[in-house]
């Protein structure tokens, strides 16, 4: 007879595919934290995430205006990737992820 014992979430998340995804998310969060350190204080909070794929660093801002400001710091971000992270990145892409519309989440259809 089998029992349906609950499985701790850490065991589920450390599984092969989920474990790899959670590790990548953790690494991307750490990268974003480190990259914020090279930005001026006024811009830091607007860098939401960072990811490296091939030779491209992709950073995400919370608004188009802040994305435009982040583009001014491309050389600082590239330098940080090379010096602080020992990664070869040749270009930076800046994306916008608008904040969630809190009202839309509570609307009923």
N, C-alpha and C. Protein backbone atom coordinates (compact mmCIF):
# COMPACT_ATOMS: atom_id res chain seq x y z
N UNK A 1 0.84 -1.18 0.00
CA UNK A 1 0.00 0.00 0.00
C UNK A 1 0.89 1.24 0.00
N UNK A 2 0.58 2.18 -0.89
CA UNK A 2 1.37 3.41 -0.95
C UNK A 2 0.67 4.51 -0.17
N UNK A 3 1.49 5.36 0.38
CA UNK A 3 0.94 6.51 1.09
C UNK A 3 1.23 7.75 0.28
N UNK A 4 0.36 8.67 0.32
CA UNK A 4 0.53 9.94 -0.39
C UNK A 4 1.11 10.97 0.57
N UNK A 5 2.37 10.75 0.89
CA UNK A 5 3.03 11.69 1.78
C UNK A 5 3.40 12.95 1.01
N UNK A 6 3.23 14.09 1.63
CA UNK A 6 3.63 15.33 0.96
C UNK A 6 5.14 15.36 0.72
N UNK A 7 5.52 15.94 -0.39
CA UNK A 7 6.93 16.08 -0.75
C UNK A 7 7.34 17.51 -0.45
N UNK A 8 8.43 17.70 0.28
CA UNK A 8 8.89 19.07 0.55
C UNK A 8 9.15 19.82 -0.75
N UNK A 9 8.77 21.08 -0.78
CA UNK A 9 8.92 21.88 -1.99
C UNK A 9 10.37 21.96 -2.45
N UNK A 10 11.31 21.98 -1.51
CA UNK A 10 12.72 22.04 -1.92
C UNK A 10 13.13 20.79 -2.69
N UNK A 11 12.50 19.65 -2.38
CA UNK A 11 12.79 18.43 -3.14
C UNK A 11 12.23 18.52 -4.56
N UNK A 12 11.05 19.11 -4.67
CA UNK A 12 10.46 19.28 -5.99
C UNK A 12 11.30 20.24 -6.82
N UNK A 13 11.70 21.36 -6.22
CA UNK A 13 12.46 22.37 -6.94
C UNK A 13 13.88 21.95 -7.26
N UNK A 14 14.40 20.97 -6.56
CA UNK A 14 15.76 20.52 -6.85
C UNK A 14 15.77 19.41 -7.89
N UNK A 15 14.60 19.01 -8.39
CA UNK A 15 14.51 18.02 -9.45
C UNK A 15 15.22 18.52 -10.70
N UNK A 16 15.44 17.66 -11.66
CA UNK A 16 16.28 17.96 -12.80
C UNK A 16 15.90 19.24 -13.56
N UNK A 17 14.71 19.30 -14.14
CA UNK A 17 14.35 20.47 -14.92
C UNK A 17 14.04 21.67 -14.04
N UNK A 18 13.25 21.46 -13.01
CA UNK A 18 12.92 22.58 -12.13
C UNK A 18 14.15 23.08 -11.40
N UNK A 19 15.02 22.16 -11.03
CA UNK A 19 16.25 22.56 -10.35
C UNK A 19 17.11 23.46 -11.23
N UNK A 20 17.21 23.11 -12.50
CA UNK A 20 17.97 23.93 -13.44
C UNK A 20 17.36 25.30 -13.63
N UNK A 21 16.03 25.34 -13.70
CA UNK A 21 15.35 26.62 -13.87
C UNK A 21 15.50 27.49 -12.63
N UNK A 22 15.35 26.90 -11.45
CA UNK A 22 15.47 27.70 -10.23
C UNK A 22 16.90 28.19 -10.07
N UNK A 23 17.88 27.39 -10.47
CA UNK A 23 19.28 27.82 -10.40
C UNK A 23 19.53 29.00 -11.34
N UNK A 24 18.97 28.95 -12.55
CA UNK A 24 19.12 30.05 -13.51
C UNK A 24 18.46 31.31 -12.98
N UNK A 25 17.28 31.18 -12.40
CA UNK A 25 16.59 32.34 -11.84
C UNK A 25 17.42 32.95 -10.72
N UNK A 26 17.95 32.10 -9.85
CA UNK A 26 18.78 32.59 -8.75
C UNK A 26 20.01 33.32 -9.29
N UNK A 27 20.66 32.75 -10.29
CA UNK A 27 21.84 33.38 -10.88
C UNK A 27 21.49 34.71 -11.53
N UNK A 28 20.36 34.78 -12.22
CA UNK A 28 19.93 36.02 -12.85
C UNK A 28 19.61 37.10 -11.81
N UNK A 29 19.00 36.69 -10.69
CA UNK A 29 18.72 37.65 -9.62
C UNK A 29 20.01 38.20 -9.02
N UNK A 30 20.98 37.32 -8.82
CA UNK A 30 22.27 37.76 -8.29
C UNK A 30 22.98 38.69 -9.27
N UNK A 31 22.89 38.37 -10.56
CA UNK A 31 23.49 39.23 -11.58
C UNK A 31 22.85 40.61 -11.57
N UNK A 32 21.53 40.66 -11.50
CA UNK A 32 20.84 41.95 -11.46
C UNK A 32 21.28 42.77 -10.24
N UNK A 33 21.42 42.11 -9.10
CA UNK A 33 21.88 42.82 -7.89
C UNK A 33 23.27 43.41 -8.10
N UNK A 34 24.16 42.64 -8.69
CA UNK A 34 25.54 43.11 -8.92
C UNK A 34 25.56 44.25 -9.94
N UNK A 35 24.76 44.13 -10.99
CA UNK A 35 24.74 45.18 -12.01
C UNK A 35 24.17 46.48 -11.47
N UNK A 36 23.21 46.39 -10.56
CA UNK A 36 22.65 47.61 -9.95
C UNK A 36 23.74 48.42 -9.25
N UNK A 37 24.75 47.74 -8.74
CA UNK A 37 25.83 48.43 -8.01
C UNK A 37 26.61 49.39 -8.90
N UNK A 38 26.65 49.15 -10.21
CA UNK A 38 27.42 50.03 -11.09
C UNK A 38 26.58 51.18 -11.63
N UNK A 39 25.30 51.19 -11.31
CA UNK A 39 24.39 52.23 -11.79
C UNK A 39 24.22 53.32 -10.74
N UNK A 40 23.88 54.52 -11.17
CA UNK A 40 23.57 55.58 -10.20
C UNK A 40 22.36 55.18 -9.35
N UNK A 41 22.31 55.68 -8.15
CA UNK A 41 21.26 55.34 -7.20
C UNK A 41 19.86 55.59 -7.77
N UNK A 42 19.71 56.64 -8.56
CA UNK A 42 18.39 56.97 -9.09
C UNK A 42 17.87 55.94 -10.10
N UNK A 43 18.77 55.16 -10.69
CA UNK A 43 18.40 54.21 -11.74
C UNK A 43 18.30 52.78 -11.21
N UNK A 44 19.01 52.49 -10.14
CA UNK A 44 19.14 51.10 -9.63
C UNK A 44 17.84 50.35 -9.49
N UNK A 45 16.88 50.95 -8.84
CA UNK A 45 15.62 50.25 -8.54
C UNK A 45 14.81 49.93 -9.79
N UNK A 46 15.15 50.55 -10.90
CA UNK A 46 14.38 50.35 -12.13
C UNK A 46 14.94 49.23 -13.00
N UNK A 47 16.09 48.69 -12.64
CA UNK A 47 16.60 47.49 -13.31
C UNK A 47 15.98 46.30 -12.61
N UNK A 48 15.05 45.65 -13.28
CA UNK A 48 14.28 44.57 -12.65
C UNK A 48 14.96 43.22 -12.74
N UNK A 49 15.60 42.95 -13.87
CA UNK A 49 16.21 41.63 -14.05
C UNK A 49 17.34 41.72 -15.06
N UNK A 50 18.15 40.67 -15.08
CA UNK A 50 19.27 40.59 -16.02
C UNK A 50 19.46 39.13 -16.42
N UNK A 51 19.86 38.94 -17.66
CA UNK A 51 20.10 37.59 -18.17
C UNK A 51 21.19 37.66 -19.23
N UNK A 52 22.01 36.63 -19.29
CA UNK A 52 23.04 36.54 -20.32
C UNK A 52 22.75 35.32 -21.17
N UNK A 53 22.73 35.53 -22.47
CA UNK A 53 22.56 34.43 -23.41
C UNK A 53 23.51 34.69 -24.57
N UNK A 54 24.37 33.70 -24.82
CA UNK A 54 25.42 33.84 -25.82
C UNK A 54 26.27 35.06 -25.46
N UNK A 55 26.34 36.04 -26.34
CA UNK A 55 27.17 37.22 -26.06
C UNK A 55 26.33 38.45 -25.76
N UNK A 56 25.09 38.25 -25.35
CA UNK A 56 24.19 39.37 -25.09
C UNK A 56 23.71 39.40 -23.65
N UNK A 57 23.81 40.56 -23.05
CA UNK A 57 23.22 40.83 -21.74
C UNK A 57 21.87 41.49 -22.00
N UNK A 58 20.83 40.94 -21.41
CA UNK A 58 19.50 41.55 -21.52
C UNK A 58 19.09 42.01 -20.13
N UNK A 59 18.79 43.29 -20.03
CA UNK A 59 18.30 43.84 -18.77
C UNK A 59 16.88 44.32 -18.98
N UNK A 60 16.11 44.29 -17.92
CA UNK A 60 14.70 44.67 -18.00
C UNK A 60 14.45 45.84 -17.06
N UNK A 61 13.77 46.85 -17.60
CA UNK A 61 13.40 48.03 -16.82
C UNK A 61 11.90 48.03 -16.60
N UNK A 62 11.45 48.82 -15.64
CA UNK A 62 10.04 48.85 -15.29
C UNK A 62 9.23 49.89 -16.07
N UNK A 63 9.88 50.68 -16.90
CA UNK A 63 9.17 51.71 -17.67
C UNK A 63 10.06 52.11 -18.83
N UNK A 64 9.44 52.53 -19.91
CA UNK A 64 10.20 52.92 -21.11
C UNK A 64 11.18 54.05 -20.82
N UNK A 65 10.78 55.00 -19.99
CA UNK A 65 11.68 56.12 -19.67
C UNK A 65 12.93 55.62 -18.94
N UNK A 66 12.77 54.66 -18.04
CA UNK A 66 13.92 54.12 -17.32
C UNK A 66 14.75 53.22 -18.23
N UNK A 67 14.12 52.56 -19.17
CA UNK A 67 14.87 51.76 -20.14
C UNK A 67 15.78 52.67 -20.96
N UNK A 68 15.26 53.82 -21.34
CA UNK A 68 16.08 54.79 -22.09
C UNK A 68 17.28 55.24 -21.25
N UNK A 69 17.04 55.49 -19.97
CA UNK A 69 18.16 55.89 -19.09
C UNK A 69 19.17 54.76 -18.95
N UNK A 70 18.68 53.52 -18.82
CA UNK A 70 19.60 52.38 -18.70
C UNK A 70 20.50 52.26 -19.92
N UNK A 71 19.98 52.59 -21.09
CA UNK A 71 20.78 52.51 -22.32
C UNK A 71 22.00 53.42 -22.26
N UNK A 72 21.92 54.51 -21.51
CA UNK A 72 23.07 55.40 -21.36
C UNK A 72 24.21 54.74 -20.57
N UNK A 73 23.91 53.69 -19.84
CA UNK A 73 24.92 53.03 -19.00
C UNK A 73 25.38 51.69 -19.58
N UNK A 74 25.19 51.52 -20.88
CA UNK A 74 25.61 50.28 -21.55
C UNK A 74 27.08 49.99 -21.34
N UNK A 75 27.93 51.00 -21.48
CA UNK A 75 29.38 50.75 -21.33
C UNK A 75 29.72 50.32 -19.91
N UNK A 76 29.06 50.89 -18.91
CA UNK A 76 29.30 50.48 -17.52
C UNK A 76 28.86 49.03 -17.30
N UNK A 77 27.72 48.66 -17.88
CA UNK A 77 27.23 47.29 -17.74
C UNK A 77 28.16 46.30 -18.44
N UNK A 78 28.61 46.64 -19.65
CA UNK A 78 29.55 45.77 -20.37
C UNK A 78 30.86 45.62 -19.61
N UNK A 79 31.36 46.72 -19.06
CA UNK A 79 32.60 46.68 -18.30
C UNK A 79 32.44 45.81 -17.05
N UNK A 80 31.33 45.93 -16.37
CA UNK A 80 31.08 45.13 -15.18
C UNK A 80 31.03 43.65 -15.53
N UNK A 81 30.42 43.32 -16.66
CA UNK A 81 30.35 41.92 -17.08
C UNK A 81 31.74 41.36 -17.32
N UNK A 82 32.60 42.15 -17.92
CA UNK A 82 33.96 41.68 -18.23
C UNK A 82 34.83 41.62 -16.99
N UNK A 83 34.83 42.67 -16.21
CA UNK A 83 35.74 42.78 -15.06
C UNK A 83 35.23 42.02 -13.84
N UNK A 84 34.00 42.26 -13.46
CA UNK A 84 33.47 41.69 -12.23
C UNK A 84 32.96 40.26 -12.38
N UNK A 85 32.50 39.91 -13.58
CA UNK A 85 31.87 38.61 -13.77
C UNK A 85 32.64 37.70 -14.72
N UNK A 86 33.72 38.23 -15.31
CA UNK A 86 34.56 37.45 -16.22
C UNK A 86 33.75 36.81 -17.34
N UNK A 87 32.79 37.56 -17.86
CA UNK A 87 31.94 37.08 -18.96
C UNK A 87 32.14 37.98 -20.17
N UNK A 88 32.21 37.37 -21.34
CA UNK A 88 32.33 38.13 -22.57
C UNK A 88 30.93 38.44 -23.10
N UNK A 89 30.59 39.70 -23.04
CA UNK A 89 29.31 40.17 -23.53
C UNK A 89 29.61 41.29 -24.51
N UNK A 90 29.06 41.20 -25.70
CA UNK A 90 29.34 42.19 -26.74
C UNK A 90 28.23 43.20 -26.94
N UNK A 91 27.06 42.91 -26.42
CA UNK A 91 25.96 43.84 -26.59
C UNK A 91 24.99 43.75 -25.42
N UNK A 92 24.25 44.83 -25.27
CA UNK A 92 23.26 44.92 -24.21
C UNK A 92 21.91 45.24 -24.84
N UNK A 93 20.92 44.47 -24.49
CA UNK A 93 19.54 44.74 -24.91
C UNK A 93 18.77 45.19 -23.68
N UNK A 94 18.00 46.22 -23.84
CA UNK A 94 17.18 46.72 -22.73
C UNK A 94 15.72 46.51 -23.10
N UNK A 95 15.03 45.82 -22.27
CA UNK A 95 13.62 45.51 -22.47
C UNK A 95 12.80 46.23 -21.41
N UNK A 96 11.50 46.34 -21.68
CA UNK A 96 10.58 46.97 -20.73
C UNK A 96 9.56 45.93 -20.29
N UNK A 97 9.41 45.82 -18.99
CA UNK A 97 8.35 44.99 -18.42
C UNK A 97 7.54 45.90 -17.50
N UNK A 98 6.41 46.35 -17.99
CA UNK A 98 5.62 47.27 -17.18
C UNK A 98 5.15 46.60 -15.90
N UNK A 99 4.94 47.39 -14.87
CA UNK A 99 4.42 46.82 -13.63
C UNK A 99 3.05 46.22 -13.86
N UNK A 100 2.73 45.24 -13.05
CA UNK A 100 1.41 44.63 -13.15
C UNK A 100 0.33 45.64 -12.81
N UNK A 101 -0.76 45.59 -13.56
CA UNK A 101 -1.90 46.44 -13.29
C UNK A 101 -2.68 45.79 -12.14
N UNK A 102 -2.52 46.31 -10.96
CA UNK A 102 -3.16 45.72 -9.78
C UNK A 102 -4.67 45.72 -9.91
N UNK A 103 -5.26 46.74 -10.53
CA UNK A 103 -6.71 46.80 -10.69
C UNK A 103 -7.20 45.69 -11.61
N UNK A 104 -6.44 45.41 -12.68
CA UNK A 104 -6.85 44.39 -13.64
C UNK A 104 -6.86 43.00 -12.98
N UNK A 105 -6.00 42.79 -12.03
CA UNK A 105 -5.93 41.50 -11.36
C UNK A 105 -7.18 41.24 -10.53
N UNK A 106 -7.85 42.29 -10.08
CA UNK A 106 -9.00 42.14 -9.20
C UNK A 106 -10.34 42.29 -9.91
N UNK A 107 -10.31 42.60 -11.21
CA UNK A 107 -11.55 42.76 -11.97
C UNK A 107 -12.17 41.41 -12.27
N UNK A 108 -13.46 41.39 -12.30
CA UNK A 108 -14.16 40.18 -12.74
C UNK A 108 -14.77 40.45 -14.10
N UNK A 109 -14.88 39.40 -14.89
CA UNK A 109 -15.44 39.59 -16.24
C UNK A 109 -16.88 39.19 -16.28
